[in-house]
N, C-alpha and C. Protein backbone atom coordinates (compact mmCIF):
# COMPACT_ATOMS: atom_id res chain seq x y z
N GLN A 1 60.71 88.49 53.35
CA GLN A 1 61.35 88.22 54.74
C GLN A 1 62.73 89.62 54.48
N VAL A 2 63.00 90.11 55.04
CA VAL A 2 63.83 91.01 54.80
C VAL A 2 65.32 90.93 55.86
N GLN A 3 66.35 90.67 54.61
CA GLN A 3 67.86 90.53 55.72
C GLN A 3 68.92 91.82 55.25
N LEU A 4 69.20 91.97 56.74
CA LEU A 4 69.88 93.02 56.66
C LEU A 4 71.54 92.91 57.20
N VAL A 5 72.21 93.44 56.80
CA VAL A 5 73.45 93.12 56.97
C VAL A 5 75.01 94.20 56.87
N GLU A 6 75.26 94.34 58.35
CA GLU A 6 76.10 95.35 59.05
C GLU A 6 77.59 95.19 57.96
N SER A 7 78.24 96.10 58.37
CA SER A 7 79.61 96.22 57.99
C SER A 7 80.41 97.28 58.22
N GLY A 8 81.70 97.23 58.46
CA GLY A 8 82.25 98.34 58.81
C GLY A 8 82.54 98.87 60.15
N GLY A 9 82.43 97.81 60.99
CA GLY A 9 82.57 97.90 62.06
C GLY A 9 84.34 97.66 62.40
N GLY A 10 84.97 98.12 63.88
CA GLY A 10 86.29 97.85 64.06
C GLY A 10 86.82 98.54 65.42
N LEU A 11 88.15 98.47 65.21
CA LEU A 11 89.12 99.47 66.19
C LEU A 11 89.59 100.70 66.00
N VAL A 12 88.80 101.76 66.66
CA VAL A 12 89.35 103.23 66.67
C VAL A 12 89.74 103.74 67.53
N GLN A 13 90.47 104.96 67.57
CA GLN A 13 90.79 105.68 68.75
C GLN A 13 89.97 106.79 69.31
N ALA A 14 89.51 107.23 70.18
CA ALA A 14 89.23 108.47 70.35
C ALA A 14 89.06 109.62 69.72
N GLY A 15 88.08 110.15 69.21
CA GLY A 15 88.45 111.02 67.94
C GLY A 15 88.36 110.95 67.07
N GLY A 16 88.42 109.52 66.11
CA GLY A 16 88.88 109.07 65.19
C GLY A 16 86.88 108.79 64.02
N SER A 17 86.92 108.76 63.22
CA SER A 17 85.69 108.32 62.44
C SER A 17 85.85 106.65 61.72
N LEU A 18 84.51 106.26 61.87
CA LEU A 18 84.37 104.97 61.09
C LEU A 18 83.07 105.27 60.12
N ARG A 19 82.77 104.51 59.39
CA ARG A 19 81.65 104.25 58.39
C ARG A 19 81.24 102.89 58.66
N LEU A 20 79.66 102.73 59.13
CA LEU A 20 79.01 101.58 58.85
C LEU A 20 78.03 101.76 57.73
N SER A 21 78.09 100.53 56.98
CA SER A 21 77.33 100.19 56.15
C SER A 21 75.94 99.02 56.72
N CYS A 22 75.12 99.28 55.89
CA CYS A 22 73.79 98.15 56.15
C CYS A 22 73.25 97.79 55.02
N ALA A 23 73.39 96.51 54.33
CA ALA A 23 72.89 96.15 53.27
C ALA A 23 71.94 95.31 53.29
N VAL A 24 70.66 96.18 52.52
CA VAL A 24 69.11 95.13 52.89
C VAL A 24 68.79 94.71 51.45
N SER A 25 68.22 93.81 51.65
CA SER A 25 67.25 92.68 50.40
C SER A 25 66.50 93.03 50.29
N PHE A 26 66.06 94.30 50.52
CA PHE A 26 65.09 94.60 50.07
C PHE A 26 64.37 96.19 49.42
N PRO A 27 64.03 96.84 49.31
CA PRO A 27 64.02 98.16 48.30
C PRO A 27 63.77 98.99 50.02
N ILE A 28 64.92 99.83 50.05
CA ILE A 28 64.67 100.47 51.34
C ILE A 28 63.74 101.42 51.68
N PHE A 29 63.21 102.10 50.15
CA PHE A 29 62.44 102.90 50.23
C PHE A 29 61.05 103.00 50.80
N ALA A 30 60.61 101.23 50.88
CA ALA A 30 59.69 100.63 50.84
C ALA A 30 59.90 100.40 52.50
N LEU A 31 60.28 100.66 53.17
CA LEU A 31 60.58 100.60 54.65
C LEU A 31 60.13 101.70 55.28
N HIS A 32 59.10 101.43 56.33
CA HIS A 32 58.79 102.27 57.23
C HIS A 32 60.19 103.17 58.06
N ASP A 33 60.65 102.47 58.78
CA ASP A 33 61.67 103.09 59.47
C ASP A 33 63.34 102.39 59.17
N LEU A 34 64.19 103.05 59.29
CA LEU A 34 65.72 102.60 59.31
C LEU A 34 66.61 102.62 59.49
N GLY A 35 67.37 102.32 60.56
CA GLY A 35 68.16 102.95 61.60
C GLY A 35 68.98 102.05 62.49
N TRP A 36 69.84 102.45 62.95
CA TRP A 36 70.76 102.12 64.14
C TRP A 36 70.85 101.82 65.41
N TYR A 37 70.73 101.06 66.00
CA TYR A 37 70.89 100.75 67.20
C TYR A 37 72.13 100.02 67.92
N ARG A 38 72.72 100.52 69.32
CA ARG A 38 73.83 100.15 69.86
C ARG A 38 73.48 99.22 70.67
N GLN A 39 74.12 98.31 71.35
CA GLN A 39 74.19 97.72 72.61
C GLN A 39 75.42 97.41 72.89
N ALA A 40 75.79 98.37 74.21
CA ALA A 40 77.13 98.29 75.35
C ALA A 40 77.01 96.84 75.66
N PRO A 41 78.24 96.56 76.22
CA PRO A 41 78.03 95.20 77.76
C PRO A 41 77.08 95.73 78.61
N GLY A 42 76.10 94.42 78.74
CA GLY A 42 75.74 94.61 80.37
C GLY A 42 74.49 95.77 79.99
N GLU A 43 74.02 95.91 79.01
CA GLU A 43 73.16 96.95 79.28
C GLU A 43 71.84 96.65 77.90
N GLN A 44 70.70 97.73 77.68
CA GLN A 44 69.72 97.08 76.67
C GLN A 44 70.13 97.98 75.22
N ARG A 45 69.68 97.27 74.38
CA ARG A 45 69.85 97.77 73.04
C ARG A 45 69.44 99.30 72.91
N LYS A 46 69.81 100.01 72.59
CA LYS A 46 69.30 101.77 72.92
C LYS A 46 69.18 102.21 71.18
N LEU A 47 68.47 103.02 70.72
CA LEU A 47 68.35 103.73 69.40
C LEU A 47 69.31 104.45 69.54
N VAL A 48 70.22 104.57 68.21
CA VAL A 48 71.29 105.69 67.87
C VAL A 48 71.02 106.59 67.07
N ILE A 49 70.33 106.61 65.65
CA ILE A 49 69.69 106.92 64.78
C ILE A 49 69.02 106.50 63.94
N GLU A 50 67.92 106.90 63.31
CA GLU A 50 67.16 106.74 62.45
C GLU A 50 66.30 107.39 61.39
N ILE A 51 65.76 106.70 60.57
CA ILE A 51 65.32 107.64 59.33
C ILE A 51 63.79 106.85 59.54
N SER A 52 62.69 107.77 59.55
CA SER A 52 61.38 107.67 59.67
C SER A 52 60.77 108.52 58.71
N GLY A 53 60.14 107.91 57.54
CA GLY A 53 59.44 108.70 56.85
C GLY A 53 60.66 110.33 56.26
N ASP A 54 60.17 111.19 56.58
CA ASP A 54 61.16 112.09 56.41
C ASP A 54 61.79 112.66 57.04
N ARG A 55 61.94 112.04 58.40
CA ARG A 55 62.17 112.82 59.62
C ARG A 55 63.63 112.12 59.87
N THR A 56 64.81 112.70 60.27
CA THR A 56 65.68 111.67 61.50
C THR A 56 65.67 111.74 62.41
N ASN A 57 65.80 110.96 63.43
CA ASN A 57 65.51 111.06 64.94
C ASN A 57 66.94 110.02 65.55
N ALA A 58 67.77 111.26 66.08
CA ALA A 58 69.10 110.70 66.35
C ALA A 58 69.01 110.75 68.31
N ALA A 59 69.52 109.78 69.15
CA ALA A 59 70.20 110.07 70.41
C ALA A 59 70.71 111.41 70.59
N ASP A 60 70.24 111.97 71.74
CA ASP A 60 71.03 113.12 72.24
C ASP A 60 72.55 112.90 72.16
N PRO A 61 73.09 112.07 72.82
CA PRO A 61 74.68 111.65 72.57
C PRO A 61 75.34 111.76 71.43
N VAL A 62 74.91 111.59 69.93
CA VAL A 62 75.07 111.27 69.10
C VAL A 62 75.06 112.85 67.99
N LYS A 63 74.15 113.46 68.32
CA LYS A 63 73.83 114.42 67.28
C LYS A 63 74.77 115.29 67.65
N GLY A 64 75.47 115.83 66.10
CA GLY A 64 76.45 116.57 65.74
C GLY A 64 77.45 116.00 65.59
N ARG A 65 77.61 114.45 65.70
CA ARG A 65 79.19 113.81 65.50
C ARG A 65 78.26 112.41 64.39
N PHE A 66 77.17 111.80 64.35
CA PHE A 66 76.75 110.65 63.90
C PHE A 66 75.74 111.12 62.59
N THR A 67 75.94 110.92 61.60
CA THR A 67 74.84 111.08 60.44
C THR A 67 74.64 109.57 59.71
N VAL A 68 73.29 109.41 59.32
CA VAL A 68 72.55 108.56 58.68
C VAL A 68 72.10 108.98 57.32
N SER A 69 72.75 108.24 56.08
CA SER A 69 72.33 108.19 54.97
C SER A 69 71.81 107.37 54.60
N ARG A 70 71.26 107.04 52.94
CA ARG A 70 70.77 105.64 52.56
C ARG A 70 70.96 106.22 50.90
N ASP A 71 71.35 104.93 50.54
CA ASP A 71 71.34 104.83 48.79
C ASP A 71 70.32 104.03 48.31
N ASN A 72 69.30 104.35 47.88
CA ASN A 72 68.22 103.43 47.68
C ASN A 72 68.55 102.42 46.46
N ALA A 73 69.29 103.31 45.39
CA ALA A 73 69.65 102.39 44.49
C ALA A 73 70.29 101.28 44.71
N LYS A 74 71.08 101.33 45.81
CA LYS A 74 71.85 100.23 46.26
C LYS A 74 71.48 99.29 47.48
N ASN A 75 70.34 100.17 47.95
CA ASN A 75 69.57 99.24 49.42
C ASN A 75 70.80 99.22 50.33
N THR A 76 71.12 100.35 50.24
CA THR A 76 72.26 100.12 51.32
C THR A 76 71.79 101.62 52.48
N MET A 77 72.49 101.37 53.63
CA MET A 77 71.83 102.80 54.55
C MET A 77 73.28 102.85 55.23
N TYR A 78 74.14 103.60 55.53
CA TYR A 78 75.50 104.10 56.07
C TYR A 78 74.93 104.97 57.35
N LEU A 79 76.22 104.83 58.25
CA LEU A 79 76.15 105.78 59.75
C LEU A 79 77.75 106.18 59.56
N GLN A 80 77.58 107.44 59.32
CA GLN A 80 78.73 107.96 59.43
C GLN A 80 78.99 108.38 61.05
N MET A 81 80.27 108.18 61.32
CA MET A 81 80.26 108.30 62.99
C MET A 81 81.78 109.22 63.41
N ASN A 82 81.46 110.67 63.47
CA ASN A 82 82.45 110.96 63.70
C ASN A 82 83.11 111.62 65.03
N SER A 83 84.63 111.92 65.10
CA SER A 83 84.79 112.35 67.01
C SER A 83 84.12 111.20 67.94
N LEU A 84 84.41 110.36 67.48
CA LEU A 84 84.19 109.35 68.31
C LEU A 84 84.49 108.88 69.68
N LYS A 85 84.05 108.62 70.67
CA LYS A 85 84.24 108.88 71.95
C LYS A 85 83.85 107.00 72.63
N PRO A 86 84.89 106.85 73.85
CA PRO A 86 84.72 105.51 74.23
C PRO A 86 83.53 105.04 74.70
N GLU A 87 82.38 105.95 75.23
CA GLU A 87 81.44 105.33 75.31
C GLU A 87 80.18 104.83 73.97
N ASP A 88 80.90 105.37 73.03
CA ASP A 88 80.27 104.62 71.74
C ASP A 88 80.32 103.49 71.17
N THR A 89 81.17 102.93 72.12
CA THR A 89 81.71 101.26 71.97
C THR A 89 80.52 100.31 72.35
N GLY A 90 80.28 99.44 71.62
CA GLY A 90 79.24 98.59 71.20
C GLY A 90 79.20 98.05 70.32
N VAL A 91 78.21 96.73 70.31
CA VAL A 91 77.71 96.33 68.92
C VAL A 91 76.66 97.22 68.28
N TYR A 92 76.67 97.53 67.16
CA TYR A 92 75.90 98.21 66.17
C TYR A 92 75.06 97.24 65.58
N TYR A 93 73.56 97.52 65.59
CA TYR A 93 72.50 96.81 64.56
C TYR A 93 71.83 97.65 63.55
N CYS A 94 71.85 97.04 62.94
CA CYS A 94 70.75 97.70 61.68
C CYS A 94 69.31 97.24 61.47
N HIS A 95 68.49 97.99 61.69
CA HIS A 95 66.80 97.99 61.84
C HIS A 95 66.30 98.35 60.66
N GLY A 96 65.13 97.69 60.64
CA GLY A 96 64.30 98.19 59.55
C GLY A 96 62.85 97.50 59.94
N VAL A 97 61.79 98.44 59.76
CA VAL A 97 60.92 98.02 60.03
C VAL A 97 59.76 98.09 58.58
N LEU A 98 58.97 97.10 58.57
CA LEU A 98 58.15 97.03 57.24
C LEU A 98 56.88 96.97 57.69
N VAL A 99 55.67 98.08 57.20
CA VAL A 99 54.75 97.93 57.24
C VAL A 99 53.80 97.70 56.19
N SER A 100 53.01 96.50 56.74
CA SER A 100 52.57 95.92 55.38
C SER A 100 50.14 96.48 55.47
N ASP A 101 49.83 96.95 54.88
CA ASP A 101 48.82 97.29 54.85
C ASP A 101 47.55 96.79 54.26
N TYR A 102 46.72 95.56 55.16
CA TYR A 102 45.97 94.72 54.18
C TYR A 102 44.44 95.39 54.50
N GLY A 103 44.43 96.43 54.71
CA GLY A 103 42.83 97.17 54.55
C GLY A 103 42.42 97.09 55.46
N SER A 104 42.09 96.13 56.40
CA SER A 104 41.45 95.78 57.62
C SER A 104 42.22 95.91 58.76
N ARG A 105 43.68 95.73 58.66
CA ARG A 105 44.69 95.46 59.83
C ARG A 105 45.95 96.38 58.98
N VAL A 106 46.86 96.51 60.02
CA VAL A 106 47.86 96.82 59.53
C VAL A 106 49.22 96.04 59.97
N LYS A 107 50.16 95.24 59.70
CA LYS A 107 51.03 94.54 60.40
C LYS A 107 52.62 94.92 60.03
N ARG A 108 53.10 94.99 61.40
CA ARG A 108 54.36 95.59 61.50
C ARG A 108 55.20 94.46 61.85
N ASP A 109 56.87 94.69 61.01
CA ASP A 109 57.69 93.61 61.16
C ASP A 109 59.02 94.13 61.41
N ASP A 110 59.58 94.00 62.47
CA ASP A 110 60.56 94.32 62.53
C ASP A 110 61.87 93.39 62.45
N TYR A 111 63.04 94.22 61.52
CA TYR A 111 64.21 93.31 61.19
C TYR A 111 65.56 93.58 61.66
N TRP A 112 66.38 92.91 62.15
CA TRP A 112 67.56 92.77 62.44
C TRP A 112 68.62 92.70 62.13
N GLY A 113 69.84 93.08 61.55
CA GLY A 113 70.97 92.69 61.72
C GLY A 113 71.85 91.65 62.40
N PRO A 114 72.94 90.97 62.01
CA PRO A 114 73.36 90.04 63.10
C PRO A 114 74.64 91.07 63.86
N GLY A 115 74.51 92.13 63.63
CA GLY A 115 75.72 93.73 64.54
C GLY A 115 76.74 93.47 63.88
N THR A 116 77.82 94.29 64.34
CA THR A 116 78.65 94.80 64.32
C THR A 116 79.33 95.34 65.34
N GLN A 117 81.10 94.97 65.43
CA GLN A 117 81.21 95.60 66.61
C GLN A 117 81.92 96.92 66.22
N VAL A 118 81.95 98.08 67.21
CA VAL A 118 82.62 99.00 67.46
C VAL A 118 83.35 99.56 68.69
N THR A 119 84.73 99.82 68.59
CA THR A 119 85.51 99.67 69.65
C THR A 119 86.35 100.84 69.76
N VAL A 120 85.94 101.78 70.75
CA VAL A 120 86.43 103.13 70.65
C VAL A 120 87.74 103.17 71.71
N SER A 121 89.01 103.40 71.42
CA SER A 121 89.88 103.49 72.57
C SER A 121 90.36 104.80 73.32
N SER A 122 90.59 104.94 74.26
CA SER A 122 90.79 106.11 74.77
C SER A 122 92.44 106.55 74.83
């Protein structure tokens, strides 16, 4: 079982910065994907940015403003958010994917944190 816990959310003015953390109860180097999603009020949860293997995939609205990083020794992932905009407001969720290879089949398990609220005021 993989547990993820986010922290670092809060209220910030437009143009400001926040850094979110995601503490993982599992060696993060062993996770297939590790990333951040955002859910705004009345909307579906959407990908913000993720690390998949050696690649980083970011949604177009955050490119150049958000950066994802990880500390394998601490089993922690970070999301540095700069130049924040009101449309960045939402609950940010940490997401991890564990892929287990049993030879004849491959099993994928998705894990989510409880989320942390980020509110950007104009």
